[in-house]
Amino acid sequence: MSYGKGTRKVSQDRGLIRYLMRHRHTTPFEMVEFKFHCKMPIFVARQWVRHRTANINEYSLRYSKARDEFYYPDPEHIQFQSALNKQGRSGKVPKKLTDKVQQYFHEISERSFEMYQELNEAGLARELIRGILPVNLYTEWYWKNDLHNLLHFISLRSDSHAQYEIRVYSDAMADFVKKVAPHAWEAYQDYEVRGLRFSRIEQNMLNQHLPNRVIDDILEDLAYQVTATLHKNKPREDHELYPLYRKQEGHDTEDDFQLKWESGEIQTGNVREMREFKSKLQSL
């Protein structure tokens, strides 16, 4: 919208999307919406609904009859309470104990549903008798969210520290995002998942301990990469390449430049991004 006529090429779309993600301009991502039909245990739904940025329409047990569908954990997902993480689990549980856990899950689910059916057939109000059903009962909903907040959801719920039972849903949703918005997903991976941000304290540590020669070497590599990228985007004559490299503040002699240029090892990338990186390095 800011461009009026918009972009005209896929490469321009990708470049713009990456720029927006890199600089945390979220509005365009908020205009893209996903709607999922989800079915999950109630205890997962209650954790899920803490993400308050979505529109939700859930199956109601006030006027719809509960269905005999319960979540039973597999033995490998039955673990002890973690000693380090108050909301996590860890450690292998003996088979005798996992068998007991599964037995209890089945017993409470089957017995509570029998009682629910008995009270429902007696005409009791469903909005009340639903209260005797356990939270491993399956519910379902339509869940609509914008791409910006969906990526935030995935960043938290697909994390290795997230509860397994919600992580599988987040991973499945991530697969849809990859297909529908591949450039946004690529940018999200590069800048949010695998990118790094340094606090002021961390920057001061780098200022104090990172040798200037290391920064100079990186800046020199950037001068080559910017030159190669500009040449790739708009080919130059051979005699124009060294002056272009010098314009990027490269310091090699022309002979050294020719040797490195002809090696074929110079990478290309996004000029704007490389110049931003250069500015960050120079600030150190």
Protein backbone atom coordinates (compact mmCIF):
# COMPACT_ATOMS: atom_id res chain seq x y z
CA MET A 1 0.00 0.00 0.00
CA SER A 2 2.88 2.35 0.82
CA TYR A 3 4.18 1.93 -2.73
CA GLY A 4 0.84 2.77 -4.34
CA LYS A 5 1.29 0.52 -7.37
CA GLY A 6 3.04 -2.16 -5.35
CA THR A 7 5.95 -4.35 -6.42
CA ARG A 8 6.17 -5.87 -9.89
CA LYS A 9 8.44 -8.92 -9.51
CA VAL A 10 8.76 -11.89 -7.17
CA SER A 11 12.33 -10.79 -6.39
CA GLN A 12 11.00 -7.39 -5.34
CA ASP A 13 8.36 -9.07 -3.16
CA ARG A 14 11.04 -11.17 -1.48
CA GLY A 15 13.36 -8.23 -0.93
CA LEU A 16 10.59 -6.09 0.53
CA ILE A 17 9.30 -8.89 2.77
CA ARG A 18 12.81 -9.52 4.12
CA TYR A 19 13.30 -5.81 4.75
CA LEU A 20 10.00 -5.59 6.63
CA MET A 21 10.81 -8.63 8.77
CA ARG A 22 14.37 -7.42 9.45
CA HIS A 23 13.17 -4.02 10.65
CA ARG A 24 10.11 -5.39 12.49
CA HIS A 25 7.56 -3.52 10.37
CA THR A 26 4.63 -5.76 11.29
CA THR A 27 1.61 -4.10 9.67
CA PRO A 28 1.85 -5.89 6.27
CA PHE A 29 2.15 -9.26 8.03
CA GLU A 30 -0.92 -8.43 10.10
CA MET A 31 -2.94 -8.11 6.87
CA VAL A 32 -2.37 -11.79 5.99
CA GLU A 33 -4.76 -14.12 7.82
CA PHE A 34 -4.86 -17.87 8.40
CA LYS A 35 -7.89 -19.81 9.59
CA PHE A 36 -7.42 -23.31 11.02
CA HIS A 37 -9.95 -25.95 12.00
CA CYS A 38 -8.34 -27.53 15.05
CA LYS A 39 -9.18 -30.43 17.32
CA MET A 40 -7.27 -30.80 20.57
CA PRO A 41 -7.56 -31.92 24.21
CA ILE A 42 -9.13 -29.26 26.44
CA PHE A 43 -5.94 -28.85 28.47
CA VAL A 44 -4.09 -27.97 25.25
CA ALA A 45 -6.85 -25.54 24.26
CA ARG A 46 -6.57 -23.75 27.60
CA GLN A 47 -2.85 -23.28 27.08
CA TRP A 48 -3.38 -22.27 23.45
CA VAL A 49 -5.99 -19.63 24.25
CA ARG A 50 -3.45 -17.65 26.26
CA HIS A 51 -2.42 -16.24 22.88
CA ARG A 52 -5.05 -13.52 22.90
CA THR A 53 -4.56 -12.20 19.35
CA ALA A 54 -6.88 -14.62 17.52
CA ASN A 55 -10.58 -14.95 16.73
CA ILE A 56 -11.94 -18.24 18.10
CA ASN A 57 -15.21 -20.10 17.61
CA GLU A 58 -15.18 -23.20 19.80
CA TYR A 59 -17.47 -26.25 19.92
CA SER A 60 -19.79 -25.55 22.86
CA LEU A 61 -20.68 -28.17 25.47
CA ARG A 62 -23.46 -25.92 26.78
CA TYR A 63 -25.84 -26.97 24.00
CA SER A 64 -23.91 -29.66 22.10
CA LYS A 65 -23.40 -33.14 23.46
CA ALA A 66 -19.87 -34.15 24.41
CA ARG A 67 -18.29 -36.82 22.24
CA ASP A 68 -16.53 -39.88 23.58
CA GLU A 69 -13.06 -38.79 22.40
CA PHE A 70 -10.18 -38.51 24.85
CA TYR A 71 -6.44 -37.99 24.61
CA TYR A 72 -4.31 -40.83 25.97
CA PRO A 73 -0.53 -40.16 26.11
CA ASP A 74 1.87 -42.60 24.52
CA PRO A 75 4.39 -44.21 26.91
CA GLU A 76 7.34 -42.19 25.53
CA HIS A 77 5.56 -38.95 26.45
CA ILE A 78 4.95 -40.01 30.06
CA GLN A 79 7.84 -38.58 32.08
CA PHE A 80 8.64 -37.29 35.56
CA GLN A 81 8.25 -33.69 36.66
CA SER A 82 11.41 -31.81 35.67
CA ALA A 83 13.59 -30.74 38.60
CA LEU A 84 14.88 -27.74 36.64
CA ASN A 85 11.77 -26.61 34.77
CA LYS A 86 8.61 -26.19 36.85
CA GLN A 87 6.42 -26.46 33.74
CA GLY A 88 8.29 -29.30 32.03
CA ARG A 89 8.98 -33.01 32.21
CA SER A 90 12.05 -35.20 31.83
CA GLY A 91 13.42 -38.61 32.62
CA LYS A 92 12.48 -42.12 31.60
CA VAL A 93 9.62 -43.66 33.56
CA PRO A 94 9.55 -47.42 34.31
CA LYS A 95 7.05 -49.42 32.27
CA LYS A 96 5.11 -50.42 35.40
CA LEU A 97 4.45 -46.75 36.13
CA THR A 98 3.62 -45.75 32.53
CA ASP A 99 1.14 -48.61 32.42
CA LYS A 100 -0.49 -47.26 35.58
CA VAL A 101 -0.67 -43.72 34.13
CA GLN A 102 -2.35 -45.00 30.98
CA GLN A 103 -4.71 -47.12 33.06
CA TYR A 104 -5.73 -44.09 35.14
CA PHE A 105 -6.25 -41.97 32.03
CA HIS A 106 -8.58 -44.61 30.59
CA GLU A 107 -10.40 -45.20 33.86
CA ILE A 108 -11.18 -41.56 34.60
CA SER A 109 -12.13 -40.84 30.99
CA GLU A 110 -14.44 -43.82 30.56
CA ARG A 111 -16.08 -43.51 33.99
CA SER A 112 -16.63 -39.75 33.74
CA PHE A 113 -18.18 -40.14 30.30
CA GLU A 114 -20.52 -42.86 31.59
CA MET A 115 -21.68 -40.49 34.35
CA TYR A 116 -22.03 -37.65 31.86
CA GLN A 117 -24.20 -39.78 29.56
CA GLU A 118 -26.35 -40.92 32.48
CA LEU A 119 -27.02 -37.33 33.59
CA ASN A 120 -27.55 -36.14 30.04
CA GLU A 121 -30.18 -38.84 29.42
CA ALA A 122 -31.86 -37.80 32.68
CA GLY A 123 -32.31 -34.34 31.20
CA LEU A 124 -29.78 -32.43 33.31
CA ALA A 125 -28.47 -29.16 31.87
CA ARG A 126 -25.42 -29.76 29.69
CA GLU A 127 -23.84 -26.48 30.74
CA LEU A 128 -23.59 -27.94 34.27
CA ILE A 129 -22.84 -31.63 33.79
CA ARG A 130 -19.97 -30.90 31.42
CA GLY A 131 -18.08 -30.00 34.60
CA ILE A 132 -17.51 -33.67 35.45
CA LEU A 133 -15.59 -34.32 32.23
CA PRO A 134 -11.76 -34.33 32.43
CA VAL A 135 -9.54 -31.95 30.48
CA ASN A 136 -8.17 -34.70 28.22
CA LEU A 137 -11.55 -34.62 26.43
CA TYR A 138 -11.20 -33.37 22.86
CA THR A 139 -12.68 -30.03 21.88
CA GLU A 140 -12.44 -28.25 18.54
CA TRP A 141 -12.55 -24.73 17.17
CA TYR A 142 -11.96 -22.46 14.25
CA TRP A 143 -8.92 -20.32 15.04
CA LYS A 144 -8.14 -17.28 12.89
CA ASN A 145 -5.01 -15.21 13.33
CA ASP A 146 -2.82 -12.86 11.31
CA LEU A 147 0.61 -13.93 10.07
CA HIS A 148 2.56 -11.66 12.44
CA ASN A 149 0.94 -13.10 15.56
CA LEU A 150 0.89 -16.61 14.12
CA LEU A 151 4.68 -16.50 13.71
CA HIS A 152 4.95 -15.33 17.31
CA PHE A 153 2.77 -18.28 18.36
CA ILE A 154 5.00 -20.68 16.40
CA SER A 155 8.17 -19.17 17.85
CA LEU A 156 6.93 -20.02 21.36
CA ARG A 157 5.00 -23.24 20.79
CA SER A 158 7.38 -24.96 18.35
CA ASP A 159 10.29 -24.29 20.69
CA SER A 160 11.90 -27.39 22.17
CA HIS A 161 10.86 -26.19 25.65
CA ALA A 162 7.17 -26.06 24.73
CA GLN A 163 4.83 -28.84 25.88
CA TYR A 164 4.81 -31.73 23.42
CA GLU A 165 1.02 -31.83 23.13
CA ILE A 166 0.82 -28.25 21.82
CA ARG A 167 4.09 -28.40 19.89
CA VAL A 168 2.71 -30.91 17.39
CA TYR A 169 -0.09 -28.48 16.49
CA SER A 170 2.32 -25.56 16.16
CA ASP A 171 4.61 -27.61 13.91
CA ALA A 172 1.66 -28.55 11.70
CA MET A 173 0.60 -24.91 11.42
CA ALA A 174 4.17 -23.97 10.55
CA ASP A 175 4.02 -26.36 7.57
CA PHE A 176 1.02 -24.41 6.22
CA VAL A 177 2.82 -21.08 6.68
CA LYS A 178 5.81 -22.40 4.71
CA LYS A 179 3.52 -23.27 1.78
CA VAL A 180 1.30 -20.16 1.82
CA ALA A 181 3.91 -17.50 2.68
CA PRO A 182 7.33 -18.94 1.73
CA HIS A 183 9.20 -15.60 1.59
CA ALA A 184 7.84 -14.52 4.96
CA TRP A 185 8.76 -17.91 6.44
CA GLU A 186 12.28 -17.66 5.01
CA ALA A 187 12.69 -14.16 6.48
CA TYR A 188 11.28 -15.30 9.82
CA GLN A 189 13.83 -18.12 9.97
CA ASP A 190 16.73 -15.84 9.01
CA TYR A 191 15.96 -12.89 11.27
CA GLU A 192 13.86 -14.21 14.15
CA VAL A 193 14.74 -17.88 14.64
CA ARG A 194 18.41 -17.92 13.62
CA GLY A 195 19.16 -14.21 13.94
CA LEU A 196 20.86 -12.61 16.94
CA ARG A 197 20.22 -9.34 18.75
CA PHE A 198 22.78 -7.89 21.12
CA SER A 199 21.89 -5.89 24.20
CA ARG A 200 23.81 -2.71 25.06
CA ILE A 201 25.81 -4.68 27.64
CA GLU A 202 26.73 -7.32 25.06
CA GLN A 203 27.71 -4.66 22.53
CA ASN A 204 30.02 -3.08 25.11
CA MET A 205 31.68 -6.46 25.61
CA LEU A 206 32.25 -6.74 21.86
CA ASN A 207 33.60 -3.18 21.78
CA GLN A 208 36.13 -4.03 24.46
CA HIS A 209 37.31 -7.43 23.28
CA LEU A 210 36.72 -7.79 19.53
CA PRO A 211 40.04 -6.95 17.76
CA ASN A 212 39.86 -4.18 15.17
CA ARG A 213 41.62 -6.43 12.65
CA VAL A 214 38.66 -8.85 12.76
CA ILE A 215 36.19 -6.06 12.03
CA ASP A 216 38.47 -4.75 9.26
CA ASP A 217 38.60 -8.21 7.64
CA ILE A 218 34.81 -8.49 7.68
CA LEU A 219 34.41 -4.98 6.27
CA GLU A 220 36.81 -5.89 3.47
CA ASP A 221 34.78 -9.01 2.66
CA LEU A 222 31.64 -6.88 2.59
CA ALA A 223 33.23 -4.49 0.09
CA TYR A 224 33.80 -7.45 -2.25
CA GLN A 225 30.33 -8.87 -1.70
CA VAL A 226 28.58 -5.54 -2.32
CA THR A 227 30.63 -5.06 -5.48
CA ALA A 228 29.80 -8.57 -6.73
CA THR A 229 26.11 -8.08 -5.97
CA LEU A 230 25.95 -4.71 -7.74
CA HIS A 231 27.71 -6.28 -10.73
CA LYS A 232 25.30 -9.22 -10.73
CA ASN A 233 22.28 -6.91 -10.64
CA LYS A 234 23.70 -4.58 -13.30
CA PRO A 235 26.75 -5.99 -15.15
CA ARG A 236 29.75 -3.63 -15.48
CA GLU A 237 32.70 -3.57 -17.83
CA ASP A 238 35.89 -5.12 -16.47
CA HIS A 239 37.62 -1.76 -16.11
CA GLU A 240 34.71 -0.48 -13.97
CA LEU A 241 34.91 -3.18 -11.32
CA TYR A 242 37.92 -2.01 -9.31
CA PRO A 243 36.67 1.60 -9.06
CA LEU A 244 33.29 0.19 -7.96
CA TYR A 245 35.04 -1.88 -5.30
CA ARG A 246 36.99 1.18 -4.09
CA LYS A 247 33.72 3.08 -3.89
CA GLN A 248 32.57 0.46 -1.36
CA GLU A 249 35.60 1.43 0.76
CA GLY A 250 37.67 -1.62 -0.18
CA HIS A 251 41.42 -1.24 0.51
CA ASP A 252 43.14 -3.97 -1.56
CA THR A 253 45.48 -3.06 -4.40
CA GLU A 254 44.19 -3.55 -7.92
CA ASP A 255 46.39 -6.65 -8.38
CA ASP A 256 45.09 -8.22 -5.15
CA PHE A 257 41.56 -7.32 -6.17
CA GLN A 258 41.94 -9.09 -9.51
CA LEU A 259 43.27 -12.25 -7.84
CA LYS A 260 40.40 -12.45 -5.41
CA TRP A 261 37.79 -11.46 -8.01
CA GLU A 262 38.91 -14.20 -10.38
CA SER A 263 38.83 -16.84 -7.61
CA GLY A 264 35.07 -17.16 -8.02
CA GLU A 265 34.60 -17.41 -4.23
CA ILE A 266 32.89 -14.08 -3.63
CA GLN A 267 29.34 -14.42 -2.38
CA THR A 268 26.46 -12.18 -3.35
CA GLY A 269 23.47 -11.10 -1.28
CA ASN A 270 21.20 -8.17 -0.56
CA VAL A 271 23.00 -4.82 -0.93
CA ARG A 272 20.82 -2.97 1.56
CA GLU A 273 21.25 -5.69 4.16
CA MET A 274 25.02 -5.83 3.70
CA ARG A 275 25.29 -2.06 4.05
CA GLU A 276 23.24 -2.20 7.23
CA PHE A 277 25.60 -4.87 8.55
CA LYS A 278 28.54 -2.67 7.60
CA SER A 279 27.08 0.21 9.57
CA LYS A 280 26.67 -2.03 12.62
CA LEU A 281 30.29 -3.20 12.38
CA GLN A 282 31.57 0.35 12.04
CA SER A 283 29.66 1.30 15.19
CA LEU A 284 31.82 -1.24 17.07
